[in-house]
Amino acid sequence: GMAEIFKAKVAGAGGFEKDLVIKRILPHFSDDDHFVKMFVDEARLAARLKHPNLIHTYDFGEVDGQYFTVMEYLPGEDLAKALDRLTFGHQQMPVHLAAGIVSNVCAGLHHAHQMTDTSGRPLHLIHRDINPANIVVTYTGTVKVIDFGIAKTTATETKVGTIKGKLAYMSPEQLLARNVDQRSDIFSTGV
């Protein structure tokens, strides 16, 4: 809810073109230091995530007080929309497809959970918002976890008692605003 996204195209020599996504902090949040810090922290973290099942971030910048992140464009759909369409059609996702999606989400999360800082110390990263809307399945079958906007690491300052994420997918510890670790993301994946 603090940013908007745009599909963009970068053009280069010889007719080179590449589709991208630009995520820009909403103008009414640009003057709020707390939201700007969250946006910058997400960009810093996302730029370090390099795994086939995690969205890639290419650049971060600011123009006239407007902060933006440049990310890969994922031609496909988020899992929430796909599940809604199946429900509307009174269908279920085949078990082998569901298992494949979950396996890919777990592979991406494992990479994120194992991240370290530049000195090799574990970051103890927790996504905190694993839900179908933050899982994209591309039209070629690639599964990507997106939106690390409320992720927590050892460097993240979080107010005690604050609940972040989607209620329906939270672990009991997260729902009760207790200390959470990476197991909370695994619980959310299972849901």
C-alpha atoms as a PDB file:
ATOM      1  CA  GLY A   1       0.000   0.000   0.000  1.00  0.00           C
ATOM      2  CA  MET A   2       2.943   2.449   0.027  1.00  0.00           C
ATOM      3  CA  ALA A   3       4.008   2.173  -3.619  1.00  0.00           C
ATOM      4  CA  GLU A   4       2.699   1.975  -7.151  1.00  0.00           C
ATOM      5  CA  ILE A   5       4.121  -0.018 -10.031  1.00  0.00           C
ATOM      6  CA  PHE A   6       4.559   0.754 -13.704  1.00  0.00           C
ATOM      7  CA  LYS A   7       5.549  -1.417 -16.620  1.00  0.00           C
ATOM      8  CA  ALA A   8       8.511   0.189 -18.371  1.00  0.00           C
ATOM      9  CA  LYS A   9      10.781  -0.533 -21.282  1.00  0.00           C
ATOM     10  CA  VAL A  10      14.480   0.189 -21.538  1.00  0.00           C
ATOM     11  CA  ALA A  11      15.811   0.716 -25.040  1.00  0.00           C
ATOM     12  CA  GLY A  12      19.382   0.402 -26.180  1.00  0.00           C
ATOM     13  CA  ALA A  13      21.576   0.287 -29.241  1.00  0.00           C
ATOM     14  CA  GLY A  14      20.571  -1.793 -32.233  1.00  0.00           C
ATOM     15  CA  GLY A  15      16.904  -2.034 -31.254  1.00  0.00           C
ATOM     16  CA  PHE A  16      17.616  -3.660 -27.883  1.00  0.00           C
ATOM     17  CA  GLU A  17      14.559  -3.586 -25.604  1.00  0.00           C
ATOM     18  CA  LYS A  18      13.797  -5.062 -22.215  1.00  0.00           C
ATOM     19  CA  ASP A  19      10.573  -4.874 -20.216  1.00  0.00           C
ATOM     20  CA  LEU A  20      10.976  -3.831 -16.582  1.00  0.00           C
ATOM     21  CA  VAL A  21       8.846  -2.797 -13.627  1.00  0.00           C
ATOM     22  CA  ILE A  22       9.328   0.485 -11.815  1.00  0.00           C
ATOM     23  CA  LYS A  23       8.066   0.544  -8.252  1.00  0.00           C
ATOM     24  CA  ARG A  24       7.680   4.090  -6.969  1.00  0.00           C
ATOM     25  CA  ILE A  25       6.852   5.248  -3.476  1.00  0.00           C
ATOM     26  CA  LEU A  26       3.459   6.970  -3.500  1.00  0.00           C
ATOM     27  CA  PRO A  27       3.782  10.764  -3.472  1.00  0.00           C
ATOM     28  CA  HIS A  28       1.953  11.213  -0.164  1.00  0.00           C
ATOM     29  CA  PHE A  29       4.504   8.897   1.520  1.00  0.00           C
ATOM     30  CA  SER A  30       7.540  10.671   0.042  1.00  0.00           C
ATOM     31  CA  ASP A  31       7.711  13.157   2.915  1.00  0.00           C
ATOM     32  CA  ASP A  32       7.298  10.515   5.630  1.00  0.00           C
ATOM     33  CA  ASP A  33      10.763   9.466   6.813  1.00  0.00           C
ATOM     34  CA  HIS A  34       9.447   6.171   8.190  1.00  0.00           C
ATOM     35  CA  PHE A  35       7.971   5.086   4.838  1.00  0.00           C
ATOM     36  CA  VAL A  36      10.979   6.313   2.881  1.00  0.00           C
ATOM     37  CA  LYS A  37      13.263   4.287   5.180  1.00  0.00           C
ATOM     38  CA  MET A  38      11.086   1.178   4.693  1.00  0.00           C
ATOM     39  CA  PHE A  39      11.220   1.648   0.910  1.00  0.00           C
ATOM     40  CA  VAL A  40      15.000   2.163   0.910  1.00  0.00           C
ATOM     41  CA  ASP A  41      15.512  -0.842   3.221  1.00  0.00           C
ATOM     42  CA  GLU A  42      13.407  -3.019   0.904  1.00  0.00           C
ATOM     43  CA  ALA A  43      15.477  -1.911  -2.102  1.00  0.00           C
ATOM     44  CA  ARG A  44      18.781  -2.606  -0.325  1.00  0.00           C
ATOM     45  CA  LEU A  45      17.637  -6.040   0.714  1.00  0.00           C
ATOM     46  CA  ALA A  46      16.021  -6.944  -2.609  1.00  0.00           C
ATOM     47  CA  ALA A  47      19.158  -5.968  -4.538  1.00  0.00           C
ATOM     48  CA  ARG A  48      21.087  -8.678  -2.647  1.00  0.00           C
ATOM     49  CA  LEU A  49      18.556 -11.451  -3.337  1.00  0.00           C
ATOM     50  CA  LYS A  50      19.837 -13.469  -6.272  1.00  0.00           C
ATOM     51  CA  HIS A  51      17.904 -16.699  -6.797  1.00  0.00           C
ATOM     52  CA  PRO A  52      15.751 -18.013  -9.665  1.00  0.00           C
ATOM     53  CA  ASN A  53      12.682 -18.086  -7.385  1.00  0.00           C
ATOM     54  CA  LEU A  54      13.039 -14.537  -6.060  1.00  0.00           C
ATOM     55  CA  ILE A  55      12.258 -11.374  -8.013  1.00  0.00           C
ATOM     56  CA  HIS A  56      15.384  -9.594  -9.264  1.00  0.00           C
ATOM     57  CA  THR A  57      16.006  -5.937  -8.457  1.00  0.00           C
ATOM     58  CA  TYR A  58      18.215  -4.035 -10.901  1.00  0.00           C
ATOM     59  CA  ASP A  59      18.384  -0.458  -9.695  1.00  0.00           C
ATOM     60  CA  PHE A  60      17.246   2.072  -7.111  1.00  0.00           C
ATOM     61  CA  GLY A  61      17.144   5.834  -7.355  1.00  0.00           C
ATOM     62  CA  GLU A  62      15.477   9.119  -6.627  1.00  0.00           C
ATOM     63  CA  VAL A  63      14.272  11.863  -8.952  1.00  0.00           C
ATOM     64  CA  ASP A  64      12.833  15.092  -7.547  1.00  0.00           C
ATOM     65  CA  GLY A  65      12.158  13.467  -4.172  1.00  0.00           C
ATOM     66  CA  GLN A  66      10.449  10.429  -5.708  1.00  0.00           C
ATOM     67  CA  TYR A  67      12.166   7.148  -4.791  1.00  0.00           C
ATOM     68  CA  PHE A  68      11.937   4.203  -7.166  1.00  0.00           C
ATOM     69  CA  THR A  69      13.147   0.642  -7.625  1.00  0.00           C
ATOM     70  CA  VAL A  70      13.682  -1.035 -10.991  1.00  0.00           C
ATOM     71  CA  MET A  71      12.802  -4.734 -11.011  1.00  0.00           C
ATOM     72  CA  GLU A  72      12.371  -7.545 -13.476  1.00  0.00           C
ATOM     73  CA  TYR A  73       9.069  -7.752 -15.299  1.00  0.00           C
ATOM     74  CA  LEU A  74       7.300 -11.058 -14.692  1.00  0.00           C
ATOM     75  CA  PRO A  75       4.832 -11.876 -17.463  1.00  0.00           C
ATOM     76  CA  GLY A  76       2.364 -14.043 -15.604  1.00  0.00           C
ATOM     77  CA  GLU A  77      -0.084 -13.911 -12.713  1.00  0.00           C
ATOM     78  CA  ASP A  78       0.078 -13.894  -8.990  1.00  0.00           C
ATOM     79  CA  LEU A  79      -1.095 -17.103  -7.390  1.00  0.00           C
ATOM     80  CA  ALA A  80      -4.082 -15.394  -5.739  1.00  0.00           C
ATOM     81  CA  LYS A  81      -5.601 -14.562  -9.130  1.00  0.00           C
ATOM     82  CA  ALA A  82      -4.944 -18.070 -10.441  1.00  0.00           C
ATOM     83  CA  LEU A  83      -6.558 -19.648  -7.372  1.00  0.00           C
ATOM     84  CA  ASP A  84      -9.549 -17.294  -7.630  1.00  0.00           C
ATOM     85  CA  ARG A  85     -10.067 -18.318 -11.245  1.00  0.00           C
ATOM     86  CA  LEU A  86      -9.917 -21.998 -10.299  1.00  0.00           C
ATOM     87  CA  THR A  87     -12.424 -21.440  -7.479  1.00  0.00           C
ATOM     88  CA  PHE A  88     -14.761 -19.515  -9.800  1.00  0.00           C
ATOM     89  CA  GLY A  89     -14.622 -22.409 -12.278  1.00  0.00           C
ATOM     90  CA  HIS A  90     -15.241 -24.979  -9.513  1.00  0.00           C
ATOM     91  CA  GLN A  91     -11.832 -26.521 -10.186  1.00  0.00           C
ATOM     92  CA  GLN A  92      -8.821 -27.440  -8.097  1.00  0.00           C
ATOM     93  CA  MET A  93      -5.167 -27.082  -8.911  1.00  0.00           C
ATOM     94  CA  PRO A  94      -3.629 -30.460  -9.719  1.00  0.00           C
ATOM     95  CA  VAL A  95      -1.538 -31.720  -6.800  1.00  0.00           C
ATOM     96  CA  HIS A  96       1.655 -31.993  -8.855  1.00  0.00           C
ATOM     97  CA  LEU A  97       1.386 -28.303  -9.872  1.00  0.00           C
ATOM     98  CA  ALA A  98       0.676 -27.168  -6.316  1.00  0.00           C
ATOM     99  CA  ALA A  99       3.621 -29.214  -5.014  1.00  0.00           C
ATOM    100  CA  GLY A 100       5.893 -27.744  -7.688  1.00  0.00           C
ATOM    101  CA  ILE A 101       4.883 -24.185  -6.798  1.00  0.00           C
ATOM    102  CA  VAL A 102       5.400 -24.781  -3.075  1.00  0.00           C
ATOM    103  CA  SER A 103       8.768 -26.429  -3.752  1.00  0.00           C
ATOM    104  CA  ASN A 104       9.914 -23.384  -5.740  1.00  0.00           C
ATOM    105  CA  VAL A 105       8.673 -20.969  -3.063  1.00  0.00           C
ATOM    106  CA  CYS A 106      10.573 -22.969  -0.436  1.00  0.00           C
ATOM    107  CA  ALA A 107      13.747 -22.912  -2.553  1.00  0.00           C
ATOM    108  CA  GLY A 108      13.549 -19.115  -2.856  1.00  0.00           C
ATOM    109  CA  LEU A 109      12.795 -18.698   0.836  1.00  0.00           C
ATOM    110  CA  HIS A 110      15.671 -20.983   1.792  1.00  0.00           C
ATOM    111  CA  HIS A 111      18.050 -18.759  -0.158  1.00  0.00           C
ATOM    112  CA  ALA A 112      16.625 -15.644   1.514  1.00  0.00           C
ATOM    113  CA  HIS A 113      16.742 -17.260   4.947  1.00  0.00           C
ATOM    114  CA  GLN A 114      20.429 -18.165   4.493  1.00  0.00           C
ATOM    115  CA  MET A 115      21.508 -14.631   3.521  1.00  0.00           C
ATOM    116  CA  THR A 116      24.388 -13.053   5.373  1.00  0.00           C
ATOM    117  CA  ASP A 117      25.716  -9.536   5.651  1.00  0.00           C
ATOM    118  CA  THR A 118      28.973  -8.579   3.934  1.00  0.00           C
ATOM    119  CA  SER A 119      30.918  -9.947   6.928  1.00  0.00           C
ATOM    120  CA  GLY A 120      29.246 -13.351   6.688  1.00  0.00           C
ATOM    121  CA  ARG A 121      26.955 -12.910   9.703  1.00  0.00           C
ATOM    122  CA  PRO A 122      23.432 -14.341   9.241  1.00  0.00           C
ATOM    123  CA  LEU A 123      20.774 -11.706   8.521  1.00  0.00           C
ATOM    124  CA  HIS A 124      17.958 -13.911   9.873  1.00  0.00           C
ATOM    125  CA  LEU A 125      15.720 -12.590   7.093  1.00  0.00           C
ATOM    126  CA  ILE A 126      11.992 -13.192   7.457  1.00  0.00           C
ATOM    127  CA  HIS A 127       9.684 -12.208   4.573  1.00  0.00           C
ATOM    128  CA  ARG A 128       6.626 -11.873   6.892  1.00  0.00           C
ATOM    129  CA  ASP A 129       4.129 -11.587   4.029  1.00  0.00           C
ATOM    130  CA  ILE A 130       4.121 -14.941   2.237  1.00  0.00           C
ATOM    131  CA  ASN A 131       0.688 -15.273   0.669  1.00  0.00           C
ATOM    132  CA  PRO A 132      -0.652 -16.106  -2.814  1.00  0.00           C
ATOM    133  CA  ALA A 133      -0.607 -12.445  -3.923  1.00  0.00           C
ATOM    134  CA  ASN A 134       3.170 -12.355  -3.342  1.00  0.00           C
ATOM    135  CA  ILE A 135       3.883 -15.449  -5.430  1.00  0.00           C
ATOM    136  CA  VAL A 136       4.000 -14.976  -9.190  1.00  0.00           C
ATOM    137  CA  VAL A 137       3.813 -17.830 -11.669  1.00  0.00           C
ATOM    138  CA  THR A 138       5.049 -16.713 -15.074  1.00  0.00           C
ATOM    139  CA  TYR A 139       3.499 -17.933 -18.303  1.00  0.00           C
ATOM    140  CA  THR A 140       6.632 -20.058 -18.827  1.00  0.00           C
ATOM    141  CA  GLY A 141       6.159 -21.756 -15.425  1.00  0.00           C
ATOM    142  CA  THR A 142       8.750 -19.924 -13.337  1.00  0.00           C
ATOM    143  CA  VAL A 143       7.710 -19.299  -9.728  1.00  0.00           C
ATOM    144  CA  LYS A 144       8.904 -16.098  -8.021  1.00  0.00           C
ATOM    145  CA  VAL A 145       8.445 -14.749  -4.501  1.00  0.00           C
ATOM    146  CA  ILE A 146       7.952 -10.972  -4.633  1.00  0.00           C
ATOM    147  CA  ASP A 147       7.475  -8.011  -2.290  1.00  0.00           C
ATOM    148  CA  PHE A 148      10.027  -7.960   0.495  1.00  0.00           C
ATOM    149  CA  GLY A 149       8.528  -4.658   1.688  1.00  0.00           C
ATOM    150  CA  ILE A 150       7.927  -5.764   5.280  1.00  0.00           C
ATOM    151  CA  ALA A 151      10.769  -8.254   5.547  1.00  0.00           C
ATOM    152  CA  LYS A 152      12.635  -8.331   8.819  1.00  0.00           C
ATOM    153  CA  THR A 153      16.370  -8.865   9.326  1.00  0.00           C
ATOM    154  CA  THR A 154      18.723  -8.473  12.258  1.00  0.00           C
ATOM    155  CA  ALA A 155      19.233  -4.890  11.063  1.00  0.00           C
ATOM    156  CA  THR A 156      15.506  -4.084  10.853  1.00  0.00           C
ATOM    157  CA  GLU A 157      13.959  -1.953  13.555  1.00  0.00           C
ATOM    158  CA  THR A 158      10.483  -3.242  14.398  1.00  0.00           C
ATOM    159  CA  LYS A 159       8.152  -1.844  17.001  1.00  0.00           C
ATOM    160  CA  VAL A 160       7.247  -4.514  19.560  1.00  0.00           C
ATOM    161  CA  GLY A 161       3.589  -5.505  19.260  1.00  0.00           C
ATOM    162  CA  THR A 162       3.339  -4.506  15.587  1.00  0.00           C
ATOM    163  CA  ILE A 163       1.618  -7.014  13.290  1.00  0.00           C
ATOM    164  CA  LYS A 164       2.610  -6.926   9.620  1.00  0.00           C
ATOM    165  CA  GLY A 165       1.358  -9.247   6.897  1.00  0.00           C
ATOM    166  CA  LYS A 166      -1.908 -10.867   5.804  1.00  0.00           C
ATOM    167  CA  LEU A 167      -3.880 -12.258   8.750  1.00  0.00           C
ATOM    168  CA  ALA A 168      -5.099 -15.383   6.951  1.00  0.00           C
ATOM    169  CA  TYR A 169      -1.520 -16.560   6.291  1.00  0.00           C
ATOM    170  CA  MET A 170       0.237 -15.604   9.538  1.00  0.00           C
ATOM    171  CA  SER A 171       1.819 -18.044  11.925  1.00  0.00           C
ATOM    172  CA  PRO A 172       0.345 -17.976  15.441  1.00  0.00           C
ATOM    173  CA  GLU A 173       3.487 -16.220  16.744  1.00  0.00           C
ATOM    174  CA  GLN A 174       3.236 -13.528  14.089  1.00  0.00           C
ATOM    175  CA  LEU A 175      -0.486 -13.078  14.717  1.00  0.00           C
ATOM    176  CA  LEU A 176       0.175 -12.624  18.444  1.00  0.00           C
ATOM    177  CA  ALA A 177       2.980 -10.078  17.724  1.00  0.00           C
ATOM    178  CA  ARG A 178       5.593 -12.325  19.315  1.00  0.00           C
ATOM    179  CA  ASN A 179       9.151 -12.818  18.128  1.00  0.00           C
ATOM    180  CA  VAL A 180       9.157 -14.730  14.854  1.00  0.00           C
ATOM    181  CA  ASP A 181      11.862 -16.482  12.904  1.00  0.00           C
ATOM    182  CA  GLN A 182      12.069 -18.088   9.465  1.00  0.00           C
ATOM    183  CA  ARG A 183       9.681 -20.850  10.539  1.00  0.00           C
ATOM    184  CA  SER A 184       6.912 -18.251  10.319  1.00  0.00           C
ATOM    185  CA  ASP A 185       7.506 -17.970   6.543  1.00  0.00           C
ATOM    186  CA  ILE A 186       7.395 -21.755   6.231  1.00  0.00           C
ATOM    187  CA  PHE A 187       4.094 -21.840   8.153  1.00  0.00           C
ATOM    188  CA  SER A 188       2.676 -19.169   5.807  1.00  0.00           C
ATOM    189  CA  THR A 189       3.853 -21.167   2.784  1.00  0.00           C
ATOM    190  CA  GLY A 190       2.041 -24.215   4.140  1.00  0.00           C
ATOM    191  CA  VAL A 191      -1.175 -22.260   4.558  1.00  0.00           C
END
